[in-house]
Amino acid sequence: MNEPVLIANGQSVPAALPCTLEAFLLARGFRPRAVVVEHNGEAVAPSEFQARRLQPGDRLEIVQVVAGG
């Protein structure tokens, strides 16, 4: 059986859906406090990652925050 997918940064990504945005990020090796995320065109505050539910077909844009000058 095929695993559900969502689109992350333009790529189809299999994921254990439904799940929280935080769980998805952790499963993909992202530190939730070190990324900026847009979910279906809406910016998501890090404080909402634990409550935001992802479903098959959702679209994410994930940008890692890089410190430095």
PDB file of N, CA and C in Angstrom:
ATOM      1  N   MET A   1       0.849  -1.183   0.000  1.00  0.00           N
ATOM      2  CA  MET A   1       0.000   0.000   0.000  1.00  0.00           C
ATOM      3  C   MET A   1       0.890   1.241   0.000  1.00  0.00           C
ATOM      4  N   ASN A   2       0.522   2.235  -0.762  1.00  0.00           N
ATOM      5  CA  ASN A   2       1.311   3.452  -0.844  1.00  0.00           C
ATOM      6  C   ASN A   2       1.091   4.320   0.383  1.00  0.00           C
ATOM      7  N   GLU A   3       2.195   4.904   0.850  1.00  0.00           N
ATOM      8  CA  GLU A   3       2.127   5.831   1.974  1.00  0.00           C
ATOM      9  C   GLU A   3       1.584   7.166   1.460  1.00  0.00           C
ATOM     10  N   PRO A   4       0.756   7.861   2.252  1.00  0.00           N
ATOM     11  CA  PRO A   4       0.248   9.170   1.826  1.00  0.00           C
ATOM     12  C   PRO A   4       1.403  10.134   1.568  1.00  0.00           C
ATOM     13  N   VAL A   5       1.182  11.093   0.683  1.00  0.00           N
ATOM     14  CA  VAL A   5       2.226  12.068   0.377  1.00  0.00           C
ATOM     15  C   VAL A   5       1.697  13.484   0.550  1.00  0.00           C
ATOM     16  N   LEU A   6       2.641  14.386   0.782  1.00  0.00           N
ATOM     17  CA  LEU A   6       2.362  15.805   0.714  1.00  0.00           C
ATOM     18  C   LEU A   6       3.482  16.421  -0.114  1.00  0.00           C
ATOM     19  N   ILE A   7       3.350  17.685  -0.436  1.00  0.00           N
ATOM     20  CA  ILE A   7       4.346  18.371  -1.246  1.00  0.00           C
ATOM     21  C   ILE A   7       5.151  19.285  -0.320  1.00  0.00           C
ATOM     22  N   ALA A   8       6.451  19.045  -0.232  1.00  0.00           N
ATOM     23  CA  ALA A   8       7.335  19.867   0.591  1.00  0.00           C
ATOM     24  C   ALA A   8       8.422  20.450  -0.306  1.00  0.00           C
ATOM     25  N   ASN A   9       8.457  21.763  -0.381  1.00  0.00           N
ATOM     26  CA  ASN A   9       9.427  22.468  -1.224  1.00  0.00           C
ATOM     27  C   ASN A   9       9.394  21.956  -2.659  1.00  0.00           C
ATOM     28  N   GLY A  10       8.185  21.705  -3.150  1.00  0.00           N
ATOM     29  CA  GLY A  10       7.997  21.301  -4.534  1.00  0.00           C
ATOM     30  C   GLY A  10       8.206  19.819  -4.819  1.00  0.00           C
ATOM     31  N   GLN A  11       8.524  19.024  -3.807  1.00  0.00           N
ATOM     32  CA  GLN A  11       8.772  17.593  -3.979  1.00  0.00           C
ATOM     33  C   GLN A  11       7.695  16.771  -3.282  1.00  0.00           C
ATOM     34  N   SER A  12       7.274  15.671  -3.911  1.00  0.00           N
ATOM     35  CA  SER A  12       6.355  14.744  -3.252  1.00  0.00           C
ATOM     36  C   SER A  12       7.117  14.005  -2.165  1.00  0.00           C
ATOM     37  N   VAL A  13       6.574  14.037  -0.951  1.00  0.00           N
ATOM     38  CA  VAL A  13       7.247  13.423   0.190  1.00  0.00           C
ATOM     39  C   VAL A  13       6.272  12.474   0.881  1.00  0.00           C
ATOM     40  N   PRO A  14       6.619  11.181   0.958  1.00  0.00           N
ATOM     41  CA  PRO A  14       5.761  10.264   1.713  1.00  0.00           C
ATOM     42  C   PRO A  14       5.846  10.591   3.200  1.00  0.00           C
ATOM     43  N   ALA A  15       4.724  10.460   3.886  1.00  0.00           N
ATOM     44  CA  ALA A  15       4.693  10.777   5.315  1.00  0.00           C
ATOM     45  C   ALA A  15       3.596   9.975   5.992  1.00  0.00           C
ATOM     46  N   ALA A  16       3.761   9.772   7.288  1.00  0.00           N
ATOM     47  CA  ALA A  16       2.752   9.068   8.086  1.00  0.00           C
ATOM     48  C   ALA A  16       1.656  10.065   8.423  1.00  0.00           C
ATOM     49  N   LEU A  17       0.730  10.239   7.512  1.00  0.00           N
ATOM     50  CA  LEU A  17      -0.336  11.227   7.669  1.00  0.00           C
ATOM     51  C   LEU A  17      -1.633  10.567   8.098  1.00  0.00           C
ATOM     52  N   PRO A  18      -2.495  11.286   8.827  1.00  0.00           N
ATOM     53  CA  PRO A  18      -2.294  12.647   9.335  1.00  0.00           C
ATOM     54  C   PRO A  18      -1.294  12.658  10.471  1.00  0.00           C
ATOM     55  N   CYS A  19      -0.613  13.795  10.625  1.00  0.00           N
ATOM     56  CA  CYS A  19       0.320  13.997  11.727  1.00  0.00           C
ATOM     57  C   CYS A  19       0.419  15.496  11.981  1.00  0.00           C
ATOM     58  N   THR A  20       1.118  15.863  13.036  1.00  0.00           N
ATOM     59  CA  THR A  20       1.312  17.281  13.295  1.00  0.00           C
ATOM     60  C   THR A  20       2.488  17.789  12.461  1.00  0.00           C
ATOM     61  N   LEU A  21       2.509  19.071  12.248  1.00  0.00           N
ATOM     62  CA  LEU A  21       3.622  19.693  11.540  1.00  0.00           C
ATOM     63  C   LEU A  21       4.918  19.441  12.307  1.00  0.00           C
ATOM     64  N   GLU A  22       4.873  19.540  13.629  1.00  0.00           N
ATOM     65  CA  GLU A  22       6.064  19.293  14.439  1.00  0.00           C
ATOM     66  C   GLU A  22       6.587  17.870  14.232  1.00  0.00           C
ATOM     67  N   ALA A  23       5.704  16.874  14.251  1.00  0.00           N
ATOM     68  CA  ALA A  23       6.116  15.484  14.060  1.00  0.00           C
ATOM     69  C   ALA A  23       6.728  15.289  12.671  1.00  0.00           C
ATOM     70  N   PHE A  24       6.148  15.909  11.650  1.00  0.00           N
ATOM     71  CA  PHE A  24       6.686  15.818  10.295  1.00  0.00           C
ATOM     72  C   PHE A  24       8.091  16.406  10.233  1.00  0.00           C
ATOM     73  N   LEU A  25       8.272  17.592  10.809  1.00  0.00           N
ATOM     74  CA  LEU A  25       9.582  18.237  10.789  1.00  0.00           C
ATOM     75  C   LEU A  25      10.626  17.379  11.499  1.00  0.00           C
ATOM     76  N   LEU A  26      10.300  16.874  12.671  1.00  0.00           N
ATOM     77  CA  LEU A  26      11.236  16.037  13.424  1.00  0.00           C
ATOM     78  C   LEU A  26      11.587  14.769  12.662  1.00  0.00           C
ATOM     79  N   ALA A  27      10.597  14.152  12.017  1.00  0.00           N
ATOM     80  CA  ALA A  27      10.841  12.933  11.241  1.00  0.00           C
ATOM     81  C   ALA A  27      11.764  13.188  10.054  1.00  0.00           C
ATOM     82  N   ARG A  28      11.782  14.419   9.570  1.00  0.00           N
ATOM     83  CA  ARG A  28      12.621  14.784   8.421  1.00  0.00           C
ATOM     84  C   ARG A  28      13.957  15.392   8.843  1.00  0.00           C
ATOM     85  N   GLY A  29      14.225  15.432  10.157  1.00  0.00           N
ATOM     86  CA  GLY A  29      15.502  15.915  10.635  1.00  0.00           C
ATOM     87  C   GLY A  29      15.602  17.419  10.802  1.00  0.00           C
ATOM     88  N   PHE A  30      14.470  18.117  10.763  1.00  0.00           N
ATOM     89  CA  PHE A  30      14.473  19.563  10.981  1.00  0.00           C
ATOM     90  C   PHE A  30      14.271  19.859  12.457  1.00  0.00           C
ATOM     91  N   ARG A  31      14.947  20.874  12.961  1.00  0.00           N
ATOM     92  CA  ARG A  31      14.686  21.372  14.305  1.00  0.00           C
ATOM     93  C   ARG A  31      13.561  22.395  14.185  1.00  0.00           C
ATOM     94  N   PRO A  32      12.412  22.149  14.804  1.00  0.00           N
ATOM     95  CA  PRO A  32      11.263  23.043  14.629  1.00  0.00           C
ATOM     96  C   PRO A  32      11.542  24.515  14.913  1.00  0.00           C
ATOM     97  N   ARG A  33      12.430  24.829  15.819  1.00  0.00           N
ATOM     98  CA  ARG A  33      12.715  26.240  16.135  1.00  0.00           C
ATOM     99  C   ARG A  33      13.722  26.856  15.158  1.00  0.00           C
ATOM    100  N   ALA A  34      14.216  26.054  14.210  1.00  0.00           N
ATOM    101  CA  ALA A  34      15.223  26.555  13.273  1.00  0.00           C
ATOM    102  C   ALA A  34      14.696  26.628  11.839  1.00  0.00           C
ATOM    103  N   VAL A  35      13.359  26.608  11.689  1.00  0.00           N
ATOM    104  CA  VAL A  35      12.764  26.681  10.354  1.00  0.00           C
ATOM    105  C   VAL A  35      11.613  27.679  10.328  1.00  0.00           C
ATOM    106  N   VAL A  36      11.347  28.167   9.134  1.00  0.00           N
ATOM    107  CA  VAL A  36      10.156  28.975   8.854  1.00  0.00           C
ATOM    108  C   VAL A  36       9.311  28.122   7.927  1.00  0.00           C
ATOM    109  N   VAL A  37       8.006  28.000   8.218  1.00  0.00           N
ATOM    110  CA  VAL A  37       7.148  27.101   7.451  1.00  0.00           C
ATOM    111  C   VAL A  37       5.909  27.825   6.941  1.00  0.00           C
ATOM    112  N   GLU A  38       5.582  27.533   5.689  1.00  0.00           N
ATOM    113  CA  GLU A  38       4.322  27.969   5.080  1.00  0.00           C
ATOM    114  C   GLU A  38       3.531  26.696   4.773  1.00  0.00           C
ATOM    115  N   HIS A  39       2.293  26.640   5.261  1.00  0.00           N
ATOM    116  CA  HIS A  39       1.419  25.468   5.086  1.00  0.00           C
ATOM    117  C   HIS A  39       0.227  25.882   4.238  1.00  0.00           C
ATOM    118  N   ASN A  40       0.125  25.320   3.050  1.00  0.00           N
ATOM    119  CA  ASN A  40      -0.958  25.655   2.114  1.00  0.00           C
ATOM    120  C   ASN A  40      -1.085  27.169   1.927  1.00  0.00           C
ATOM    121  N   GLY A  41       0.076  27.828   1.793  1.00  0.00           N
ATOM    122  CA  GLY A  41       0.094  29.257   1.513  1.00  0.00           C
ATOM    123  C   GLY A  41      -0.004  30.167   2.721  1.00  0.00           C
ATOM    124  N   GLU A  42      -0.074  29.597   3.920  1.00  0.00           N
ATOM    125  CA  GLU A  42      -0.223  30.385   5.147  1.00  0.00           C
ATOM    126  C   GLU A  42       1.005  30.200   6.036  1.00  0.00           C
ATOM    127  N   ALA A  43       1.625  31.308   6.446  1.00  0.00           N
ATOM    128  CA  ALA A  43       2.756  31.231   7.365  1.00  0.00           C
ATOM    129  C   ALA A  43       2.287  30.655   8.699  1.00  0.00           C
ATOM    130  N   VAL A  44       3.108  29.782   9.261  1.00  0.00           N
ATOM    131  CA  VAL A  44       2.756  29.130  10.523  1.00  0.00           C
ATOM    132  C   VAL A  44       3.774  29.534  11.587  1.00  0.00           C
ATOM    133  N   ALA A  45       3.295  30.059  12.703  1.00  0.00           N
ATOM    134  CA  ALA A  45       4.172  30.412  13.825  1.00  0.00           C
ATOM    135  C   ALA A  45       4.681  29.130  14.476  1.00  0.00           C
ATOM    136  N   PRO A  46       5.944  29.126  14.915  1.00  0.00           N
ATOM    137  CA  PRO A  46       6.472  27.928  15.587  1.00  0.00           C
ATOM    138  C   PRO A  46       5.610  27.457  16.755  1.00  0.00           C
ATOM    139  N   SER A  47       4.941  28.369  17.428  1.00  0.00           N
ATOM    140  CA  SER A  47       4.074  27.987  18.551  1.00  0.00           C
ATOM    141  C   SER A  47       2.879  27.159  18.096  1.00  0.00           C
ATOM    142  N   GLU A  48       2.576  27.155  16.793  1.00  0.00           N
ATOM    143  CA  GLU A  48       1.446  26.390  16.254  1.00  0.00           C
ATOM    144  C   GLU A  48       1.850  25.033  15.683  1.00  0.00           C
ATOM    145  N   PHE A  49       3.157  24.739  15.591  1.00  0.00           N
ATOM    146  CA  PHE A  49       3.615  23.506  14.945  1.00  0.00           C
ATOM    147  C   PHE A  49       3.025  22.259  15.586  1.00  0.00           C
ATOM    148  N   GLN A  50       2.901  22.252  16.909  1.00  0.00           N
ATOM    149  CA  GLN A  50       2.418  21.063  17.612  1.00  0.00           C
ATOM    150  C   GLN A  50       0.930  20.817  17.357  1.00  0.00           C
ATOM    151  N   ALA A  51       0.172  21.861  17.086  1.00  0.00           N
ATOM    152  CA  ALA A  51      -1.271  21.727  16.894  1.00  0.00           C
ATOM    153  C   ALA A  51      -1.669  21.635  15.418  1.00  0.00           C
ATOM    154  N   ARG A  52      -0.815  22.085  14.511  1.00  0.00           N
ATOM    155  CA  ARG A  52      -1.164  22.120  13.076  1.00  0.00           C
ATOM    156  C   ARG A  52      -1.152  20.705  12.509  1.00  0.00           C
ATOM    157  N   ARG A  53      -2.284  20.260  11.978  1.00  0.00           N
ATOM    158  CA  ARG A  53      -2.423  18.908  11.426  1.00  0.00           C
ATOM    159  C   ARG A  53      -2.163  18.922   9.925  1.00  0.00           C
ATOM    160  N   LEU A  54      -1.375  17.964   9.468  1.00  0.00           N
ATOM    161  CA  LEU A  54      -1.093  17.810   8.043  1.00  0.00           C
ATOM    162  C   LEU A  54      -1.919  16.665   7.485  1.00  0.00           C
ATOM    163  N   GLN A  55      -2.369  16.839   6.256  1.00  0.00           N
ATOM    164  CA  GLN A  55      -3.189  15.846   5.570  1.00  0.00           C
ATOM    165  C   GLN A  55      -2.565  15.534   4.214  1.00  0.00           C
ATOM    166  N   PRO A  56      -2.886  14.378   3.631  1.00  0.00           N
ATOM    167  CA  PRO A  56      -2.363  14.070   2.300  1.00  0.00           C
ATOM    168  C   PRO A  56      -2.708  15.189   1.311  1.00  0.00           C
ATOM    169  N   GLY A  57      -1.739  15.545   0.476  1.00  0.00           N
ATOM    170  CA  GLY A  57      -1.945  16.574  -0.532  1.00  0.00           C
ATOM    171  C   GLY A  57      -1.621  17.980  -0.076  1.00  0.00           C
ATOM    172  N   ASP A  58      -1.369  18.172   1.230  1.00  0.00           N
ATOM    173  CA  ASP A  58      -0.995  19.497   1.716  1.00  0.00           C
ATOM    174  C   ASP A  58       0.310  19.942   1.064  1.00  0.00           C
ATOM    175  N   ARG A  59       0.515  21.257   1.038  1.00  0.00           N
ATOM    176  CA  ARG A  59       1.737  21.837   0.480  1.00  0.00           C
ATOM    177  C   ARG A  59       2.486  22.592   1.575  1.00  0.00           C
ATOM    178  N   LEU A  60       3.777  22.302   1.686  1.00  0.00           N
ATOM    179  CA  LEU A  60       4.628  22.978   2.646  1.00  0.00           C
ATOM    180  C   LEU A  60       5.803  23.640   1.948  1.00  0.00           C
ATOM    181  N   GLU A  61       6.188  24.774   2.434  1.00  0.00           N
ATOM    182  CA  GLU A  61       7.457  25.391   2.060  1.00  0.00           C
ATOM    183  C   GLU A  61       8.220  25.517   3.372  1.00  0.00           C
ATOM    184  N   ILE A  62       9.397  24.932   3.412  1.00  0.00           N
ATOM    185  CA  ILE A  62      10.200  24.901   4.630  1.00  0.00           C
ATOM    186  C   ILE A  62      11.534  25.560   4.338  1.00  0.00           C
ATOM    187  N   VAL A  63      11.882  26.567   5.117  1.00  0.00           N
ATOM    188  CA  VAL A  63      13.150  27.269   4.955  1.00  0.00           C
ATOM    189  C   VAL A  63      13.903  27.201   6.273  1.00  0.00           C
ATOM    190  N   GLN A  64      15.142  26.705   6.226  1.00  0.00           N
ATOM    191  CA  GLN A  64      15.963  26.663   7.429  1.00  0.00           C
ATOM    192  C   GLN A  64      16.525  28.044   7.708  1.00  0.00           C
ATOM    193  N   VAL A  65      16.457  28.448   8.964  1.00  0.00           N
ATOM    194  CA  VAL A  65      17.006  29.724   9.404  1.00  0.00           C
ATOM    195  C   VAL A  65      18.494  29.490   9.686  1.00  0.00           C
ATOM    196  N   VAL A  66      19.333  30.326   9.078  1.00  0.00           N
ATOM    197  CA  VAL A  66      20.772  30.196   9.251  1.00  0.00           C
ATOM    198  C   VAL A  66      21.279  31.442   9.966  1.00  0.00           C
ATOM    199  N   ALA A  67      21.937  31.233  11.088  1.00  0.00           N
ATOM    200  CA  ALA A  67      22.505  32.351  11.841  1.00  0.00           C
ATOM    201  C   ALA A  67      23.868  32.722  11.261  1.00  0.00           C
ATOM    202  N   GLY A  68      24.214  33.948  11.387  1.00  0.00           N
ATOM    203  CA  GLY A  68      25.528  34.384  10.922  1.00  0.00           C
ATOM    204  C   GLY A  68      25.440  35.723  10.248  1.00  0.00           C
ATOM    205  N   GLY A  69      26.572  36.211   9.834  1.00  0.00           N
ATOM    206  CA  GLY A  69      26.600  37.540   9.250  1.00  0.00           C
ATOM    207  C   GLY A  69      27.147  37.482   7.901  1.00  0.00           C
TER     208      GLY A  69
END
